[in-house]
Amino acid sequence: MRLPVVLLPVGLVILAQLLLGCASGPAKPVVDSSASDQSQLLSITPAQIDCGVVSQCELPPPISMMLRNGTTEPIRVRGFVATCGCTIPDLRPNIEIAPGEEVMVNVRLELWGQGRKQQFIRFIDENFQPLGRVQVRYEVRSALRSTPSGISRDVNPDGTFQVESLTDEKFTILQSNPAVVLQRDTEAAADHSLSINWTEVEALALATTPIPEFTFDSAGKWSTLLVRIATDKPDCSEVFIWLRNITPARPATY
């Protein structure tokens, strides 16, 4: 009668994936230079996540997975490496997972470029050895594109970025929410040059009640802010971009 106890958490995770947007993919081998899934110390459910077609004109689809320690010894997860900095797990460094323990990990997806994407996230131990991996697949199709889609304060202190139409159709930037985006012109165009007002971002983060679009680190300092840029383009009424206080460490490529 132990079988239902094992299957229940897995079933809940798969159901959550289907309800939240990105579905689990088929449990079949994929081409990769890493060791086989059978050698993983961490059991990751689902092992493959397919988000289908995504766009910068919509909120990034939520992604989550369950890490389970199926061994008889504690596992310390130092962090992760990824094939792209556009897949960023919300994982506390050096977390220890006890035998049989399960830990839910959410992943933030930043949309770079256009076309089909296949990314791998590998969780690593204290010696940088792989503990387990997950594959994330999606296809970017977007009427408007922000370049870049993620703006880091330490790398881009001027906060400059472009929002452009991929069909050269002219459009107008109406406003941003929160109001931290500065416009250089208000005329309709196929390409707009914009910038972030970091002073205003900092003021909002230090407010008595920060807006819910912020995330904060363990020290209470803001980490990310999701910004919506409203336009008059019928097929892309909003463009979503991420602001980062500090650039994530450059991911390793496998």
Protein backbone atom coordinates (compact mmCIF):
# COMPACT_ATOMS: atom_id res chain seq x y z
CA MET A 1 0.00 0.00 0.00
CA ARG A 2 3.04 2.29 -0.24
CA LEU A 3 2.54 2.93 -3.97
CA PRO A 4 -0.02 5.77 -3.69
CA VAL A 5 2.28 7.62 -1.27
CA VAL A 6 5.03 7.70 -3.89
CA LEU A 7 2.79 8.61 -6.81
CA LEU A 8 0.82 11.42 -5.19
CA PRO A 9 3.53 14.16 -5.22
CA VAL A 10 4.49 13.33 -8.82
CA GLY A 11 0.88 13.47 -9.93
CA LEU A 12 0.35 16.81 -8.26
CA VAL A 13 3.42 18.29 -9.95
CA ILE A 14 2.39 17.15 -13.41
CA LEU A 15 -1.15 18.46 -12.83
CA ALA A 16 0.27 21.80 -11.67
CA GLN A 17 2.36 22.06 -14.85
CA LEU A 18 -0.67 21.51 -17.03
CA LEU A 19 -2.73 24.07 -15.13
CA LEU A 20 -0.03 26.75 -14.93
CA GLY A 21 0.98 26.82 -18.57
CA CYS A 22 4.08 24.77 -19.44
CA ALA A 23 3.33 21.07 -19.81
CA SER A 24 5.64 18.18 -19.08
CA GLY A 25 7.11 16.53 -22.15
CA PRO A 26 7.31 12.82 -22.94
CA ALA A 27 9.72 10.84 -20.80
CA LYS A 28 12.05 9.80 -23.64
CA PRO A 29 15.80 10.29 -24.11
CA VAL A 30 17.03 13.57 -25.62
CA VAL A 31 20.37 14.28 -27.28
CA ASP A 32 22.75 15.71 -24.69
CA SER A 33 26.38 15.21 -23.68
CA SER A 34 25.54 14.58 -20.02
CA ALA A 35 25.14 11.25 -18.25
CA SER A 36 21.87 9.37 -18.56
CA ASP A 37 18.89 10.25 -16.39
CA GLN A 38 19.25 6.94 -14.54
CA SER A 39 22.52 8.18 -12.98
CA GLN A 40 20.95 11.34 -11.54
CA LEU A 41 21.11 11.68 -7.77
CA LEU A 42 18.19 14.10 -7.85
CA SER A 43 14.91 12.97 -9.31
CA ILE A 44 13.41 15.91 -11.24
CA THR A 45 9.74 15.96 -12.19
CA PRO A 46 8.97 16.69 -14.94
CA ALA A 47 12.25 15.93 -16.74
CA GLN A 48 11.08 17.80 -19.85
CA ILE A 49 8.94 20.94 -20.00
CA ASP A 50 7.37 22.23 -23.22
CA CYS A 51 5.96 25.77 -23.10
CA GLY A 52 4.84 25.76 -26.74
CA VAL A 53 4.64 29.14 -28.48
CA VAL A 54 5.49 32.13 -26.27
CA SER A 55 5.69 35.87 -26.90
CA GLN A 56 7.07 39.04 -25.33
CA CYS A 57 3.54 40.40 -25.77
CA GLU A 58 2.31 38.09 -23.01
CA LEU A 59 3.35 37.34 -19.45
CA PRO A 60 6.15 34.76 -19.35
CA PRO A 61 4.66 31.31 -18.72
CA PRO A 62 5.24 30.02 -15.18
CA ILE A 63 7.55 27.02 -14.91
CA SER A 64 8.03 24.81 -11.87
CA MET A 65 9.61 21.45 -11.11
CA MET A 66 10.11 19.16 -8.14
CA LEU A 67 13.57 18.08 -6.97
CA ARG A 68 13.54 14.87 -4.93
CA ASN A 69 16.43 13.22 -3.13
CA GLY A 70 15.92 9.52 -3.75
CA THR A 71 19.18 8.49 -2.06
CA THR A 72 19.90 7.56 1.54
CA GLU A 73 22.24 10.53 2.14
CA PRO A 74 21.63 14.30 2.24
CA ILE A 75 22.39 16.14 -1.02
CA ARG A 76 23.74 19.70 -1.01
CA VAL A 77 22.80 21.62 -4.17
CA ARG A 78 25.42 24.32 -4.74
CA GLY A 79 23.45 25.93 -7.58
CA PHE A 80 22.88 25.39 -11.28
CA VAL A 81 24.38 25.82 -14.73
CA ALA A 82 22.33 26.39 -17.87
CA THR A 83 22.69 26.56 -21.61
CA CYS A 84 21.13 30.03 -21.56
CA GLY A 85 20.84 32.89 -19.08
CA CYS A 86 17.18 33.16 -20.12
CA THR A 87 16.16 30.27 -17.84
CA ILE A 88 16.75 31.29 -14.22
CA PRO A 89 15.76 28.93 -11.37
CA ASP A 90 14.62 30.49 -8.10
CA LEU A 91 16.98 28.36 -6.05
CA ARG A 92 18.69 29.33 -2.79
CA PRO A 93 22.44 28.53 -3.05
CA ASN A 94 23.83 25.56 -1.10
CA ILE A 95 20.43 24.20 -0.17
CA GLU A 96 20.52 20.77 1.48
CA ILE A 97 17.89 18.20 0.55
CA ALA A 98 17.41 15.37 3.05
CA PRO A 99 16.81 11.74 1.94
CA GLY A 100 13.27 11.47 0.58
CA GLU A 101 12.74 15.25 0.79
CA GLU A 102 11.14 17.19 -2.09
CA VAL A 103 11.83 20.83 -2.99
CA MET A 104 9.75 22.86 -5.46
CA VAL A 105 11.77 25.13 -7.77
CA ASN A 106 10.25 27.89 -9.92
CA VAL A 107 12.03 29.07 -13.09
CA ARG A 108 11.83 32.55 -14.58
CA LEU A 109 11.78 32.54 -18.38
CA GLU A 110 13.18 35.58 -20.21
CA LEU A 111 12.49 35.57 -23.94
CA TRP A 112 15.52 36.27 -26.12
CA GLY A 113 15.36 36.33 -29.91
CA GLN A 114 12.88 34.48 -32.10
CA GLY A 115 12.31 30.88 -33.14
CA ARG A 116 12.58 27.47 -31.46
CA LYS A 117 14.60 27.17 -28.26
CA GLN A 118 15.85 24.17 -26.30
CA GLN A 119 17.54 24.88 -22.96
CA PHE A 120 18.98 22.58 -20.32
CA ILE A 121 19.24 23.41 -16.62
CA ARG A 122 21.62 21.22 -14.64
CA PHE A 123 21.76 21.32 -10.83
CA ILE A 124 25.26 20.85 -9.41
CA ASP A 125 26.85 19.79 -6.11
CA GLU A 126 29.66 21.41 -4.09
CA ASN A 127 32.25 20.00 -6.50
CA PHE A 128 30.35 21.32 -9.54
CA GLN A 129 29.33 17.77 -10.50
CA PRO A 130 25.85 17.28 -12.05
CA LEU A 131 23.08 16.08 -9.77
CA GLY A 132 20.21 16.14 -12.28
CA ARG A 133 18.93 18.06 -15.25
CA VAL A 134 15.72 19.30 -16.85
CA GLN A 135 15.00 20.30 -20.44
CA VAL A 136 12.90 23.40 -21.26
CA ARG A 137 11.57 23.85 -24.79
CA TYR A 138 9.59 26.71 -26.35
CA GLU A 139 9.19 28.73 -29.54
CA VAL A 140 9.32 32.55 -29.49
CA ARG A 141 6.95 34.36 -31.84
CA SER A 142 6.43 38.01 -30.99
CA ALA A 143 4.96 40.92 -32.94
CA LEU A 144 7.12 43.31 -30.90
CA ARG A 145 10.53 42.63 -29.46
CA SER A 146 12.44 44.27 -26.63
CA THR A 147 16.23 44.21 -27.03
CA PRO A 148 17.35 43.19 -24.51
CA SER A 149 14.39 41.54 -22.78
CA GLY A 150 16.23 41.60 -19.45
CA ILE A 151 18.02 44.78 -18.33
CA SER A 152 20.64 44.60 -15.57
CA ARG A 153 21.43 47.75 -13.63
CA ASP A 154 25.12 46.92 -13.12
CA VAL A 155 25.70 46.15 -16.81
CA ASN A 156 23.45 48.84 -18.27
CA PRO A 157 23.49 51.82 -15.86
CA ASP A 158 21.91 54.00 -18.56
CA GLY A 159 19.03 51.53 -18.81
CA THR A 160 18.78 51.94 -22.60
CA PHE A 161 16.86 49.43 -24.71
CA GLN A 162 14.84 49.16 -27.93
CA VAL A 163 11.28 48.05 -28.63
CA GLU A 164 10.79 47.26 -32.30
CA SER A 165 8.22 45.81 -34.67
CA LEU A 166 9.30 42.69 -36.52
CA THR A 167 7.06 43.66 -39.46
CA ASP A 168 8.25 47.32 -39.61
CA GLU A 169 4.70 48.42 -38.75
CA LYS A 170 4.64 51.72 -36.86
CA PHE A 171 3.25 51.84 -33.33
CA THR A 172 3.18 54.16 -30.33
CA ILE A 173 4.43 53.61 -26.79
CA LEU A 174 1.62 54.67 -24.45
CA GLN A 175 2.97 54.15 -20.92
CA SER A 176 4.77 51.75 -18.62
CA ASN A 177 3.62 50.07 -15.43
CA PRO A 178 5.27 50.82 -13.10
CA ALA A 179 6.14 54.24 -14.55
CA VAL A 180 9.91 53.73 -14.74
CA VAL A 181 10.41 53.92 -18.54
CA LEU A 182 11.58 57.17 -20.18
CA GLN A 183 10.64 57.89 -23.80
CA ARG A 184 12.77 59.93 -26.20
CA ASP A 185 9.85 60.57 -28.57
CA THR A 186 6.11 60.04 -28.61
CA GLU A 187 5.57 59.70 -32.37
CA ALA A 188 4.58 56.43 -34.03
CA ALA A 189 7.58 54.47 -35.29
CA ALA A 190 8.67 50.92 -36.05
CA ASP A 191 11.53 51.19 -33.55
CA HIS A 192 11.53 53.04 -30.22
CA SER A 193 14.57 53.94 -28.10
CA LEU A 194 13.72 53.86 -24.39
CA SER A 195 15.54 53.92 -21.07
CA ILE A 196 14.95 52.90 -17.46
CA ASN A 197 14.81 55.48 -14.68
CA TRP A 198 16.82 53.54 -12.08
CA THR A 199 16.29 56.28 -9.48
CA GLU A 200 12.54 55.76 -9.69
CA VAL A 201 12.97 51.97 -9.54
CA GLU A 202 15.01 52.32 -6.34
CA ALA A 203 12.42 54.67 -4.82
CA LEU A 204 9.63 52.18 -5.52
CA ALA A 205 11.68 49.35 -4.01
CA LEU A 206 12.26 51.36 -0.82
CA ALA A 207 8.60 52.33 -0.46
CA THR A 208 6.78 51.26 2.69
CA THR A 209 4.66 48.88 0.61
CA PRO A 210 6.61 47.84 -2.52
CA ILE A 211 4.57 46.85 -5.56
CA PRO A 212 4.10 43.07 -6.03
CA GLU A 213 6.06 43.04 -9.32
CA PHE A 214 9.29 43.22 -7.27
CA THR A 215 11.24 40.25 -5.94
CA PHE A 216 13.70 40.68 -3.06
CA ASP A 217 16.74 38.73 -1.86
CA SER A 218 17.34 37.43 1.66
CA ALA A 219 18.91 40.77 2.65
CA GLY A 220 15.79 42.69 1.63
CA LYS A 221 17.37 44.23 -1.48
CA TRP A 222 15.34 44.20 -4.66
CA SER A 223 16.40 41.55 -7.18
CA THR A 224 14.00 41.79 -10.12
CA LEU A 225 11.13 43.93 -11.33
CA LEU A 226 8.63 42.98 -14.05
CA VAL A 227 7.69 46.00 -16.21
CA ARG A 228 4.75 46.21 -18.63
CA ILE A 229 5.07 48.59 -21.59
CA ALA A 230 1.70 49.48 -23.12
CA THR A 231 1.43 50.14 -26.88
CA ASP A 232 -1.31 50.89 -29.41
CA LYS A 233 -0.44 47.87 -31.56
CA PRO A 234 -3.57 45.66 -31.71
CA ASP A 235 -1.67 42.35 -31.78
CA CYS A 236 0.71 43.38 -28.99
CA SER A 237 -0.91 45.73 -26.49
CA GLU A 238 1.87 45.14 -23.92
CA VAL A 239 5.54 44.19 -23.95
CA PHE A 240 6.96 42.55 -20.82
CA ILE A 241 10.58 43.03 -19.74
CA TRP A 242 12.58 42.11 -16.63
CA LEU A 243 14.76 44.54 -14.70
CA ARG A 244 17.58 43.07 -12.63
CA ASN A 245 19.54 44.77 -9.87
CA ILE A 246 22.57 42.51 -10.43
CA THR A 247 23.42 40.39 -13.44
CA PRO A 248 23.12 36.65 -12.81
CA ALA A 249 26.44 34.80 -13.05
CA ARG A 250 27.21 33.82 -16.64
CA PRO A 251 25.86 30.29 -17.14
CA ALA A 252 28.12 27.47 -18.20
CA THR A 253 27.27 25.71 -21.45
CA TYR A 254 26.80 21.96 -21.75
